[in-house]
Amino acid sequence: MSRSPVLPVAAGLLAAGALVEGAPALAADGVAEGGTHAAGVASATVVDPLSVRALSDLDFGSVGDVGAQGGSLMVLPGGGEARYAGAAHSACPAAEAECAAPHAARLRVEGQPGRAYRVVVPESVLAHAADTAAEMPTLPVTGLTVRTDSRPQAGAQGVLDEAGGDGFEIGGELRIPPGTEASHYRAQVPVIVVYG
């Protein structure tokens, strides 16, 4: 392998140095002859990260045998009565205090005080039977809806209070196909919470 002579390399470096040294003069000439110049200022605000903690799952309570008809059960956020349709019904005796009653999922969000936030939920999730000893099917839960404590009429939109916290609930509709036996169904709902 042949080596390049030292002189041409040094001459190349000297020529490159001359170009670099002349660059400010060229730039100054460009601005003087109508070139553009831009300046700006940038700033950033650091906010507390959002954290979410699940307090309870979406619980459909004990649902009775639906027979050949099937049915559905709607649990609304905000503590309303559960809505049964088709052959769906509660399997709880009215006098039994320990019977699992349907209720919405409850979560707590914390972050920057006074900031608005938004909750994003999936289109559907699966509910699982609490009775793990029996072979029970997973059932689809659709129509997931969100209600925040701070802005109950705004759906999935909320505002963190002066301490940086707020709560929200998630409801949905359990679809019960024909032939499903009585069981207690619950669903975990994954959420994404963002500022805005």
N, C-alpha and C. Protein backbone atom coordinates (compact mmCIF):
# COMPACT_ATOMS: atom_id res chain seq x y z
N MET A 1 0.84 -1.16 0.00
CA MET A 1 0.00 0.00 0.00
C MET A 1 0.89 1.23 0.00
N SER A 2 0.67 2.14 -0.95
CA SER A 2 1.50 3.33 -1.04
C SER A 2 0.93 4.42 -0.16
N ARG A 3 1.82 5.24 0.34
CA ARG A 3 1.41 6.35 1.21
C ARG A 3 1.31 7.61 0.39
N SER A 4 0.38 8.45 0.73
CA SER A 4 0.25 9.74 0.06
C SER A 4 1.36 10.65 0.55
N PRO A 5 1.85 11.51 -0.32
CA PRO A 5 2.88 12.45 0.12
C PRO A 5 2.30 13.39 1.16
N VAL A 6 3.15 13.86 2.04
CA VAL A 6 2.74 14.74 3.13
C VAL A 6 2.31 16.09 2.61
N LEU A 7 2.98 16.57 1.64
CA LEU A 7 2.70 17.92 1.16
C LEU A 7 1.27 18.09 0.64
N PRO A 8 0.74 17.21 -0.23
CA PRO A 8 -0.62 17.40 -0.71
C PRO A 8 -1.64 17.36 0.44
N VAL A 9 -1.43 16.51 1.43
CA VAL A 9 -2.36 16.46 2.56
C VAL A 9 -2.31 17.77 3.31
N ALA A 10 -1.11 18.27 3.58
CA ALA A 10 -0.98 19.54 4.30
C ALA A 10 -1.58 20.66 3.48
N ALA A 11 -1.37 20.63 2.17
CA ALA A 11 -1.94 21.69 1.33
C ALA A 11 -3.46 21.61 1.36
N GLY A 12 -4.00 20.39 1.38
CA GLY A 12 -5.45 20.23 1.46
C GLY A 12 -6.00 20.77 2.76
N LEU A 13 -5.28 20.54 3.86
CA LEU A 13 -5.70 21.05 5.15
C LEU A 13 -5.64 22.57 5.18
N LEU A 14 -4.59 23.12 4.57
CA LEU A 14 -4.47 24.58 4.52
C LEU A 14 -5.61 25.18 3.71
N ALA A 15 -5.97 24.51 2.61
CA ALA A 15 -7.07 25.01 1.78
C ALA A 15 -8.39 24.92 2.53
N ALA A 16 -8.61 23.83 3.27
CA ALA A 16 -9.83 23.69 4.06
C ALA A 16 -9.88 24.74 5.15
N GLY A 17 -8.71 25.02 5.77
CA GLY A 17 -8.64 26.05 6.80
C GLY A 17 -9.00 27.41 6.23
N ALA A 18 -8.55 27.69 5.03
CA ALA A 18 -8.86 28.97 4.41
C ALA A 18 -10.36 29.09 4.16
N LEU A 19 -10.99 28.00 3.76
CA LEU A 19 -12.44 28.03 3.55
C LEU A 19 -13.18 28.29 4.86
N VAL A 20 -12.75 27.64 5.93
CA VAL A 20 -13.39 27.83 7.23
C VAL A 20 -13.18 29.25 7.71
N GLU A 21 -11.95 29.76 7.55
CA GLU A 21 -11.68 31.13 7.99
C GLU A 21 -12.49 32.14 7.19
N GLY A 22 -12.75 31.85 5.94
CA GLY A 22 -13.50 32.76 5.09
C GLY A 22 -15.00 32.64 5.26
N ALA A 23 -15.47 31.59 5.94
CA ALA A 23 -16.91 31.36 6.09
C ALA A 23 -17.62 32.50 6.78
N PRO A 24 -17.09 33.08 7.90
CA PRO A 24 -17.79 34.20 8.51
C PRO A 24 -17.90 35.39 7.58
N ALA A 25 -16.87 35.62 6.79
CA ALA A 25 -16.92 36.74 5.85
C ALA A 25 -18.00 36.49 4.80
N LEU A 26 -18.09 35.25 4.31
CA LEU A 26 -19.12 34.92 3.33
C LEU A 26 -20.50 35.06 3.94
N ALA A 27 -20.66 34.60 5.18
CA ALA A 27 -21.95 34.70 5.86
C ALA A 27 -22.32 36.15 6.09
N ALA A 28 -21.34 36.97 6.48
CA ALA A 28 -21.62 38.38 6.72
C ALA A 28 -22.01 39.06 5.42
N ASP A 29 -21.33 38.69 4.31
CA ASP A 29 -21.68 39.26 3.01
C ASP A 29 -23.10 38.87 2.63
N GLY A 30 -23.49 37.61 2.91
CA GLY A 30 -24.83 37.14 2.56
C GLY A 30 -25.90 37.90 3.31
N VAL A 31 -25.69 38.20 4.57
CA VAL A 31 -26.67 38.94 5.37
C VAL A 31 -26.73 40.37 4.90
N ALA A 32 -25.56 40.94 4.59
CA ALA A 32 -25.51 42.33 4.14
C ALA A 32 -26.21 42.50 2.81
N GLU A 33 -26.22 41.46 1.97
CA GLU A 33 -26.82 41.57 0.66
C GLU A 33 -28.26 41.07 0.64
N GLY A 34 -28.96 41.09 1.76
CA GLY A 34 -30.37 40.71 1.77
C GLY A 34 -30.63 39.29 2.23
N GLY A 35 -29.64 38.61 2.82
CA GLY A 35 -29.85 37.28 3.35
C GLY A 35 -30.80 37.32 4.55
N THR A 36 -31.22 36.18 4.98
CA THR A 36 -32.13 36.13 6.13
C THR A 36 -31.38 35.78 7.38
N HIS A 37 -31.95 36.21 8.48
CA HIS A 37 -31.38 35.93 9.79
C HIS A 37 -32.54 35.61 10.72
N ALA A 38 -32.40 34.57 11.50
CA ALA A 38 -33.47 34.19 12.42
C ALA A 38 -32.90 34.02 13.81
N ALA A 39 -33.70 34.41 14.78
CA ALA A 39 -33.33 34.22 16.18
C ALA A 39 -34.58 33.78 16.92
N GLY A 40 -34.41 33.11 18.01
CA GLY A 40 -35.58 32.66 18.76
C GLY A 40 -35.23 32.36 20.20
N VAL A 41 -36.27 32.17 20.95
CA VAL A 41 -36.13 31.83 22.36
C VAL A 41 -37.00 30.61 22.62
N ALA A 42 -36.48 29.65 23.33
CA ALA A 42 -37.24 28.45 23.67
C ALA A 42 -37.37 28.36 25.18
N SER A 43 -38.50 27.84 25.61
CA SER A 43 -38.68 27.61 27.04
C SER A 43 -39.47 26.32 27.23
N ALA A 44 -39.38 25.75 28.39
CA ALA A 44 -40.09 24.52 28.70
C ALA A 44 -40.62 24.59 30.13
N THR A 45 -41.77 23.99 30.32
CA THR A 45 -42.34 23.89 31.66
C THR A 45 -42.31 22.43 32.06
N VAL A 46 -41.75 22.14 33.18
CA VAL A 46 -41.68 20.77 33.68
C VAL A 46 -42.91 20.53 34.54
N VAL A 47 -43.67 19.48 34.23
CA VAL A 47 -44.86 19.15 35.00
C VAL A 47 -44.67 17.79 35.67
N ASP A 48 -45.41 17.60 36.74
CA ASP A 48 -45.36 16.31 37.44
C ASP A 48 -45.89 15.21 36.52
N PRO A 49 -45.27 14.04 36.52
CA PRO A 49 -45.78 12.94 35.71
C PRO A 49 -47.12 12.45 36.27
N LEU A 50 -47.94 11.90 35.41
CA LEU A 50 -49.22 11.33 35.84
C LEU A 50 -49.00 9.91 36.35
N SER A 51 -49.71 9.57 37.41
CA SER A 51 -49.70 8.20 37.90
C SER A 51 -51.14 7.77 38.12
N VAL A 52 -51.42 6.50 37.87
CA VAL A 52 -52.77 5.97 38.00
C VAL A 52 -52.73 4.75 38.90
N ARG A 53 -53.70 4.67 39.79
CA ARG A 53 -53.78 3.54 40.71
C ARG A 53 -55.20 2.97 40.65
N ALA A 54 -55.31 1.66 40.43
CA ALA A 54 -56.62 1.00 40.40
C ALA A 54 -57.09 0.76 41.83
N LEU A 55 -58.31 1.15 42.13
CA LEU A 55 -58.90 0.92 43.45
C LEU A 55 -59.83 -0.29 43.43
N SER A 56 -60.53 -0.50 42.31
CA SER A 56 -61.38 -1.68 42.16
C SER A 56 -61.60 -1.97 40.67
N ASP A 57 -61.80 -3.24 40.35
CA ASP A 57 -62.06 -3.67 38.97
C ASP A 57 -63.51 -3.41 38.60
N LEU A 58 -63.79 -3.48 37.31
CA LEU A 58 -65.17 -3.44 36.81
C LEU A 58 -65.80 -4.77 37.20
N ASP A 59 -66.83 -4.72 38.03
CA ASP A 59 -67.42 -5.93 38.63
C ASP A 59 -68.88 -6.04 38.20
N PHE A 60 -69.23 -7.16 37.59
CA PHE A 60 -70.61 -7.38 37.14
C PHE A 60 -71.42 -8.17 38.16
N GLY A 61 -70.83 -8.45 39.30
CA GLY A 61 -71.55 -9.17 40.35
C GLY A 61 -71.84 -10.60 39.95
N SER A 62 -72.75 -11.21 40.68
CA SER A 62 -73.15 -12.60 40.40
C SER A 62 -74.29 -12.59 39.39
N VAL A 63 -74.03 -13.15 38.23
CA VAL A 63 -75.01 -13.17 37.14
C VAL A 63 -75.59 -14.57 37.05
N GLY A 64 -76.92 -14.66 37.00
CA GLY A 64 -77.60 -15.95 36.95
C GLY A 64 -77.48 -16.63 35.59
N ASP A 65 -77.85 -17.90 35.54
CA ASP A 65 -77.87 -18.70 34.32
C ASP A 65 -78.80 -18.04 33.31
N VAL A 66 -78.33 -17.83 32.09
CA VAL A 66 -79.15 -17.14 31.08
C VAL A 66 -79.89 -18.10 30.15
N GLY A 67 -79.69 -19.40 30.32
CA GLY A 67 -80.40 -20.36 29.49
C GLY A 67 -80.08 -20.22 28.02
N ALA A 68 -81.08 -20.53 27.18
CA ALA A 68 -80.88 -20.51 25.73
C ALA A 68 -81.00 -19.12 25.12
N GLN A 69 -81.46 -18.15 25.90
CA GLN A 69 -81.69 -16.81 25.35
C GLN A 69 -80.45 -15.92 25.35
N GLY A 70 -79.62 -16.01 26.37
CA GLY A 70 -78.50 -15.08 26.50
C GLY A 70 -78.98 -13.74 27.00
N GLY A 71 -78.07 -12.80 27.11
CA GLY A 71 -78.46 -11.48 27.59
C GLY A 71 -77.26 -10.57 27.75
N SER A 72 -77.47 -9.49 28.46
CA SER A 72 -76.38 -8.54 28.72
C SER A 72 -76.62 -7.82 30.03
N LEU A 73 -75.55 -7.23 30.53
CA LEU A 73 -75.61 -6.49 31.79
C LEU A 73 -74.77 -5.23 31.62
N MET A 74 -75.40 -4.07 31.80
CA MET A 74 -74.72 -2.79 31.66
C MET A 74 -74.47 -2.21 33.04
N VAL A 75 -73.20 -1.89 33.32
CA VAL A 75 -72.82 -1.20 34.55
C VAL A 75 -72.34 0.19 34.15
N LEU A 76 -73.00 1.20 34.69
CA LEU A 76 -72.67 2.58 34.35
C LEU A 76 -71.73 3.19 35.39
N PRO A 77 -70.80 4.03 34.96
CA PRO A 77 -69.99 4.75 35.94
C PRO A 77 -70.86 5.79 36.65
N GLY A 78 -70.54 6.08 37.88
CA GLY A 78 -71.32 7.08 38.62
C GLY A 78 -72.33 6.48 39.57
N GLY A 79 -72.31 5.18 39.77
CA GLY A 79 -73.16 4.57 40.79
C GLY A 79 -74.60 4.31 40.42
N GLY A 80 -74.96 4.33 39.14
CA GLY A 80 -76.34 4.04 38.75
C GLY A 80 -76.67 2.56 38.89
N GLU A 81 -77.95 2.25 38.80
CA GLU A 81 -78.41 0.86 38.85
C GLU A 81 -77.89 0.08 37.65
N ALA A 82 -77.53 -1.17 37.87
CA ALA A 82 -77.12 -2.04 36.76
C ALA A 82 -78.35 -2.33 35.89
N ARG A 83 -78.15 -2.42 34.59
CA ARG A 83 -79.25 -2.66 33.65
C ARG A 83 -79.10 -4.06 33.04
N TYR A 84 -80.07 -4.90 33.32
CA TYR A 84 -80.09 -6.26 32.80
C TYR A 84 -80.96 -6.31 31.55
N ALA A 85 -80.56 -7.08 30.53
CA ALA A 85 -81.35 -7.24 29.31
C ALA A 85 -81.35 -8.71 28.91
N GLY A 86 -82.36 -9.11 28.14
CA GLY A 86 -82.50 -10.50 27.74
C GLY A 86 -82.78 -11.35 28.97
N ALA A 87 -82.14 -12.51 29.06
CA ALA A 87 -82.35 -13.41 30.20
C ALA A 87 -81.36 -13.14 31.34
N ALA A 88 -80.54 -12.10 31.21
CA ALA A 88 -79.57 -11.79 32.28
C ALA A 88 -80.31 -11.31 33.52
N HIS A 89 -79.84 -11.76 34.66
CA HIS A 89 -80.43 -11.35 35.94
C HIS A 89 -79.42 -11.57 37.05
N SER A 90 -79.65 -10.93 38.18
CA SER A 90 -78.77 -11.10 39.33
C SER A 90 -79.01 -12.47 39.94
N ALA A 91 -77.95 -13.12 40.36
CA ALA A 91 -78.08 -14.42 41.01
C ALA A 91 -78.09 -14.28 42.52
N CYS A 92 -78.08 -13.05 43.01
CA CYS A 92 -78.02 -12.80 44.45
C CYS A 92 -79.40 -12.82 45.09
N PRO A 93 -79.56 -13.55 46.16
CA PRO A 93 -80.79 -13.41 46.93
C PRO A 93 -80.83 -12.01 47.53
N ALA A 94 -81.97 -11.36 47.50
CA ALA A 94 -82.08 -9.97 47.96
C ALA A 94 -81.65 -9.80 49.41
N ALA A 95 -81.84 -10.79 50.25
CA ALA A 95 -81.53 -10.66 51.67
C ALA A 95 -80.07 -10.96 52.00
N GLU A 96 -79.30 -11.45 51.04
CA GLU A 96 -77.91 -11.86 51.30
C GLU A 96 -76.98 -10.65 51.27
N ALA A 97 -76.36 -10.34 52.41
CA ALA A 97 -75.50 -9.15 52.52
C ALA A 97 -74.15 -9.33 51.81
N GLU A 98 -73.65 -10.53 51.70
CA GLU A 98 -72.33 -10.79 51.13
C GLU A 98 -72.34 -10.98 49.62
N CYS A 99 -73.48 -10.88 49.01
CA CYS A 99 -73.58 -11.09 47.57
C CYS A 99 -72.86 -9.96 46.83
N ALA A 100 -72.11 -10.31 45.81
CA ALA A 100 -71.36 -9.31 45.04
C ALA A 100 -72.31 -8.50 44.16
N ALA A 101 -72.35 -7.21 44.39
CA ALA A 101 -73.19 -6.32 43.59
C ALA A 101 -72.37 -5.72 42.45
N PRO A 102 -73.00 -5.47 41.32
CA PRO A 102 -72.27 -4.86 40.20
C PRO A 102 -71.81 -3.44 40.55
N HIS A 103 -70.61 -3.08 40.09
CA HIS A 103 -70.13 -1.70 40.26
C HIS A 103 -69.06 -1.40 39.22
N ALA A 104 -68.92 -0.12 38.92
CA ALA A 104 -67.92 0.34 37.95
C ALA A 104 -66.51 0.18 38.50
N ALA A 105 -65.53 0.14 37.61
CA ALA A 105 -64.12 0.17 38.03
C ALA A 105 -63.84 1.55 38.60
N ARG A 106 -63.01 1.60 39.62
CA ARG A 106 -62.67 2.88 40.27
C ARG A 106 -61.16 3.04 40.23
N LEU A 107 -60.68 4.21 39.77
CA LEU A 107 -59.25 4.49 39.68
C LEU A 107 -58.96 5.89 40.21
N ARG A 108 -57.71 6.10 40.60
CA ARG A 108 -57.25 7.39 41.12
C ARG A 108 -56.09 7.85 40.25
N VAL A 109 -56.11 9.13 39.84
CA VAL A 109 -55.03 9.70 39.05
C VAL A 109 -54.40 10.84 39.84
N GLU A 110 -53.07 10.96 39.76
CA GLU A 110 -52.35 12.04 40.44
C GLU A 110 -51.32 12.63 39.49
N GLY A 111 -51.13 13.96 39.60
CA GLY A 111 -50.19 14.65 38.74
C GLY A 111 -50.09 16.12 39.11
N GLN A 112 -49.90 16.98 38.11
CA GLN A 112 -49.71 18.42 38.31
C GLN A 112 -51.04 19.07 38.71
N PRO A 113 -51.11 19.74 39.88
CA PRO A 113 -52.35 20.39 40.31
C PRO A 113 -52.90 21.36 39.26
N GLY A 114 -54.22 21.30 39.07
CA GLY A 114 -54.90 22.21 38.16
C GLY A 114 -54.85 21.85 36.69
N ARG A 115 -54.11 20.83 36.32
CA ARG A 115 -53.98 20.46 34.90
C ARG A 115 -55.15 19.57 34.46
N ALA A 116 -55.56 19.75 33.22
CA ALA A 116 -56.60 18.90 32.62
C ALA A 116 -55.96 17.58 32.19
N TYR A 117 -56.74 16.52 32.22
CA TYR A 117 -56.26 15.22 31.77
C TYR A 117 -57.37 14.51 31.00
N ARG A 118 -56.98 13.46 30.29
CA ARG A 118 -57.92 12.67 29.49
C ARG A 118 -57.62 11.19 29.69
N VAL A 119 -58.67 10.39 29.80
CA VAL A 119 -58.55 8.95 29.98
C VAL A 119 -58.87 8.25 28.66
N VAL A 120 -58.01 7.34 28.24
CA VAL A 120 -58.22 6.57 27.02
C VAL A 120 -58.42 5.11 27.43
N VAL A 121 -59.53 4.52 26.98
CA VAL A 121 -59.83 3.11 27.28
C VAL A 121 -59.94 2.34 25.96
N PRO A 122 -59.74 1.02 26.00
CA PRO A 122 -59.87 0.23 24.78
C PRO A 122 -61.35 0.10 24.36
N GLU A 123 -61.58 -0.40 23.16
CA GLU A 123 -62.95 -0.61 22.69
C GLU A 123 -63.63 -1.73 23.45
N SER A 124 -62.85 -2.73 23.86
CA SER A 124 -63.43 -3.85 24.59
C SER A 124 -62.37 -4.52 25.44
N VAL A 125 -62.83 -5.28 26.44
CA VAL A 125 -61.96 -6.09 27.29
C VAL A 125 -62.67 -7.42 27.53
N LEU A 126 -62.02 -8.33 28.23
CA LEU A 126 -62.64 -9.61 28.58
C LEU A 126 -62.90 -9.68 30.07
N ALA A 127 -64.06 -10.20 30.43
CA ALA A 127 -64.41 -10.44 31.83
C ALA A 127 -64.14 -11.90 32.15
N HIS A 128 -63.65 -12.14 33.35
CA HIS A 128 -63.33 -13.50 33.79
C HIS A 128 -64.23 -13.88 34.96
N ALA A 129 -64.57 -15.15 35.02
CA ALA A 129 -65.38 -15.65 36.12
C ALA A 129 -64.53 -15.75 37.37
N ALA A 130 -65.12 -15.40 38.50
CA ALA A 130 -64.41 -15.49 39.78
C ALA A 130 -64.22 -16.94 40.19
N ASP A 131 -65.10 -17.82 39.74
CA ASP A 131 -65.02 -19.24 40.08
C ASP A 131 -63.97 -19.89 39.18
N THR A 132 -62.76 -20.00 39.69
CA THR A 132 -61.67 -20.57 38.88
C THR A 132 -61.68 -22.09 38.87
N ALA A 133 -62.48 -22.71 39.76
CA ALA A 133 -62.53 -24.17 39.81
C ALA A 133 -63.30 -24.73 38.61
N ALA A 134 -64.27 -23.99 38.12
CA ALA A 134 -65.08 -24.45 36.98
C ALA A 134 -64.51 -23.90 35.68
N GLU A 135 -64.80 -24.59 34.58
CA GLU A 135 -64.40 -24.12 33.25
C GLU A 135 -65.43 -23.11 32.77
N MET A 136 -65.19 -21.84 33.05
CA MET A 136 -66.12 -20.79 32.65
C MET A 136 -65.49 -19.99 31.51
N PRO A 137 -66.32 -19.58 30.55
CA PRO A 137 -65.77 -18.81 29.43
C PRO A 137 -65.45 -17.37 29.85
N THR A 138 -64.53 -16.76 29.12
CA THR A 138 -64.34 -15.31 29.27
C THR A 138 -65.41 -14.65 28.41
N LEU A 139 -65.95 -13.54 28.89
CA LEU A 139 -67.03 -12.87 28.19
C LEU A 139 -66.60 -11.47 27.75
N PRO A 140 -67.05 -11.03 26.58
CA PRO A 140 -66.66 -9.70 26.11
C PRO A 140 -67.39 -8.59 26.86
N VAL A 141 -66.64 -7.52 27.11
CA VAL A 141 -67.21 -6.30 27.69
C VAL A 141 -66.98 -5.20 26.67
N THR A 142 -68.06 -4.57 26.22
CA THR A 142 -67.97 -3.53 25.19
C THR A 142 -68.58 -2.23 25.73
N GLY A 143 -68.53 -1.20 24.92
CA GLY A 143 -69.16 0.07 25.29
C GLY A 143 -68.58 0.69 26.55
N LEU A 144 -67.26 0.61 26.71
CA LEU A 144 -66.63 1.16 27.91
C LEU A 144 -66.78 2.68 27.95
N THR A 145 -67.23 3.19 29.09
CA THR A 145 -67.43 4.63 29.27
C THR A 145 -66.74 5.10 30.54
N VAL A 146 -66.31 6.36 30.52
CA VAL A 146 -65.55 6.94 31.64
C VAL A 146 -66.34 8.12 32.22
N ARG A 147 -66.27 8.26 33.54
CA ARG A 147 -66.86 9.41 34.24
C ARG A 147 -65.85 9.87 35.28
N THR A 148 -65.39 11.13 35.16
CA THR A 148 -64.42 11.66 36.13
C THR A 148 -65.16 12.35 37.26
N ASP A 149 -64.54 12.39 38.43
CA ASP A 149 -65.15 13.06 39.59
C ASP A 149 -65.22 14.57 39.38
N SER A 150 -64.18 15.14 38.78
CA SER A 150 -64.10 16.60 38.64
C SER A 150 -65.02 17.14 37.55
N ARG A 151 -65.26 16.37 36.51
CA ARG A 151 -66.11 16.82 35.40
C ARG A 151 -67.01 15.67 34.95
N PRO A 152 -68.01 15.32 35.77
CA PRO A 152 -68.82 14.14 35.49
C PRO A 152 -69.56 14.17 34.15
N GLN A 153 -69.86 15.35 33.64
CA GLN A 153 -70.59 15.44 32.37
C GLN A 153 -69.66 15.47 31.16
N ALA A 154 -68.35 15.47 31.39
CA ALA A 154 -67.39 15.60 30.29
C ALA A 154 -66.80 14.28 29.83
N GLY A 155 -67.39 13.17 30.23
CA GLY A 155 -66.89 11.87 29.79
C GLY A 155 -65.50 11.59 30.33
N ALA A 156 -64.55 11.38 29.43
CA ALA A 156 -63.20 10.98 29.81
C ALA A 156 -62.28 12.16 30.12
N GLN A 157 -62.82 13.37 30.21
CA GLN A 157 -62.03 14.58 30.50
C GLN A 157 -62.15 14.92 31.98
N GLY A 158 -61.03 15.22 32.62
CA GLY A 158 -61.04 15.61 34.03
C GLY A 158 -60.02 16.70 34.31
N VAL A 159 -60.06 17.23 35.53
CA VAL A 159 -59.11 18.25 35.98
C VAL A 159 -58.60 17.83 37.35
N LEU A 160 -57.28 17.88 37.52
CA LEU A 160 -56.68 17.54 38.81
C LEU A 160 -56.94 18.67 39.80
N ASP A 161 -57.28 18.33 41.04
CA ASP A 161 -57.58 19.35 42.05
C ASP A 161 -56.30 20.03 42.54
N GLU A 162 -56.45 20.93 43.53
CA GLU A 162 -55.30 21.70 44.02
C GLU A 162 -54.23 20.83 44.68
N ALA A 163 -54.60 19.62 45.07
CA ALA A 163 -53.62 18.68 45.62
C ALA A 163 -53.02 17.79 44.52
N GLY A 164 -53.52 17.92 43.28
CA GLY A 164 -52.99 17.14 42.17
C GLY A 164 -53.65 15.80 41.97
N GLY A 165 -54.87 15.61 42.48
CA GLY A 165 -55.53 14.32 42.34
C GLY A 165 -56.95 14.41 41.82
N ASP A 166 -57.45 13.30 41.34
CA ASP A 166 -58.84 13.17 40.91
C ASP A 166 -59.14 11.68 40.82
N GLY A 167 -60.41 11.35 40.76
CA GLY A 167 -60.82 9.96 40.60
C GLY A 167 -61.67 9.81 39.36
N PHE A 168 -61.76 8.60 38.85
CA PHE A 168 -62.67 8.33 37.74
C PHE A 168 -63.15 6.90 37.79
N GLU A 169 -64.29 6.67 37.14
CA GLU A 169 -64.89 5.34 37.08
C GLU A 169 -65.07 4.92 35.63
N ILE A 170 -65.08 3.61 35.41
CA ILE A 170 -65.27 3.05 34.08
C ILE A 170 -66.36 2.00 34.15
N GLY A 171 -67.35 2.13 33.27
CA GLY A 171 -68.42 1.14 33.17
C GLY A 171 -68.38 0.48 31.81
N GLY A 172 -69.22 -0.53 31.62
CA GLY A 172 -69.28 -1.22 30.34
C GLY A 172 -70.40 -2.23 30.32
N GLU A 173 -70.57 -2.87 29.16
CA GLU A 173 -71.65 -3.85 28.97
C GLU A 173 -71.08 -5.25 28.81
N LEU A 174 -71.50 -6.15 29.70
CA LEU A 174 -71.10 -7.56 29.65
C LEU A 174 -72.05 -8.28 28.70
N ARG A 175 -71.50 -8.91 27.67
CA ARG A 175 -72.30 -9.68 26.71
C ARG A 175 -72.30 -11.14 27.16
N ILE A 176 -73.49 -11.69 27.39
CA ILE A 176 -73.61 -13.05 27.93
C ILE A 176 -74.26 -13.94 26.87
N PRO A 177 -73.49 -14.84 26.26
CA PRO A 177 -74.05 -15.70 25.22
C PRO A 177 -74.99 -16.76 25.79
N PRO A 178 -75.89 -17.30 24.95
CA PRO A 178 -76.78 -18.37 25.41
C PRO A 178 -75.99 -19.53 25.99
N GLY A 179 -76.54 -20.16 27.01
CA GLY A 179 -75.91 -21.32 27.63
C GLY A 179 -74.89 -20.99 28.71
N THR A 180 -74.64 -19.72 28.98
CA THR A 180 -73.67 -19.35 30.01
C THR A 180 -74.27 -19.61 31.39
N GLU A 181 -73.52 -20.34 32.20
CA GLU A 181 -73.99 -20.67 33.55
C GLU A 181 -73.74 -19.51 34.50
N ALA A 182 -74.41 -19.56 35.63
CA ALA A 182 -74.28 -18.50 36.64
C ALA A 182 -72.85 -18.41 37.15
N SER A 183 -72.37 -17.20 37.32
CA SER A 183 -71.05 -16.97 37.90
C SER A 183 -70.90 -15.49 38.23
N HIS A 184 -69.81 -15.18 38.89
CA HIS A 184 -69.47 -13.81 39.26
C HIS A 184 -68.39 -13.35 38.28
N TYR A 185 -68.64 -12.28 37.52
CA TYR A 185 -67.71 -11.83 36.48
C TYR A 185 -67.09 -10.48 36.83
N ARG A 186 -65.78 -10.38 36.56
CA ARG A 186 -65.02 -9.13 36.75
C ARG A 186 -64.14 -8.90 35.52
N ALA A 187 -63.82 -7.61 35.30
CA ALA A 187 -62.92 -7.27 34.19
C ALA A 187 -61.92 -6.23 34.66
N GLN A 188 -60.68 -6.41 34.29
CA GLN A 188 -59.66 -5.38 34.50
C GLN A 188 -59.59 -4.56 33.22
N VAL A 189 -59.63 -3.23 33.37
CA VAL A 189 -59.63 -2.35 32.21
C VAL A 189 -58.31 -1.60 32.15
N PRO A 190 -57.47 -1.85 31.14
CA PRO A 190 -56.23 -1.07 31.00
C PRO A 190 -56.57 0.35 30.55
N VAL A 191 -55.90 1.33 31.10
CA VAL A 191 -56.16 2.72 30.75
C VAL A 191 -54.86 3.44 30.40
N ILE A 192 -55.00 4.49 29.62
CA ILE A 192 -53.92 5.43 29.36
C ILE A 192 -54.45 6.79 29.79
N VAL A 193 -53.69 7.50 30.61
CA VAL A 193 -54.10 8.82 31.07
C VAL A 193 -53.04 9.82 30.61
N VAL A 194 -53.48 10.87 29.92
CA VAL A 194 -52.56 11.88 29.38
C VAL A 194 -53.04 13.28 29.75
N TYR A 195 -52.11 14.22 29.81
CA TYR A 195 -52.49 15.61 30.01
C TYR A 195 -53.16 16.13 28.75
N GLY A 196 -54.10 17.04 28.95
CA GLY A 196 -54.70 17.68 27.78
C GLY A 196 -56.19 17.68 27.80
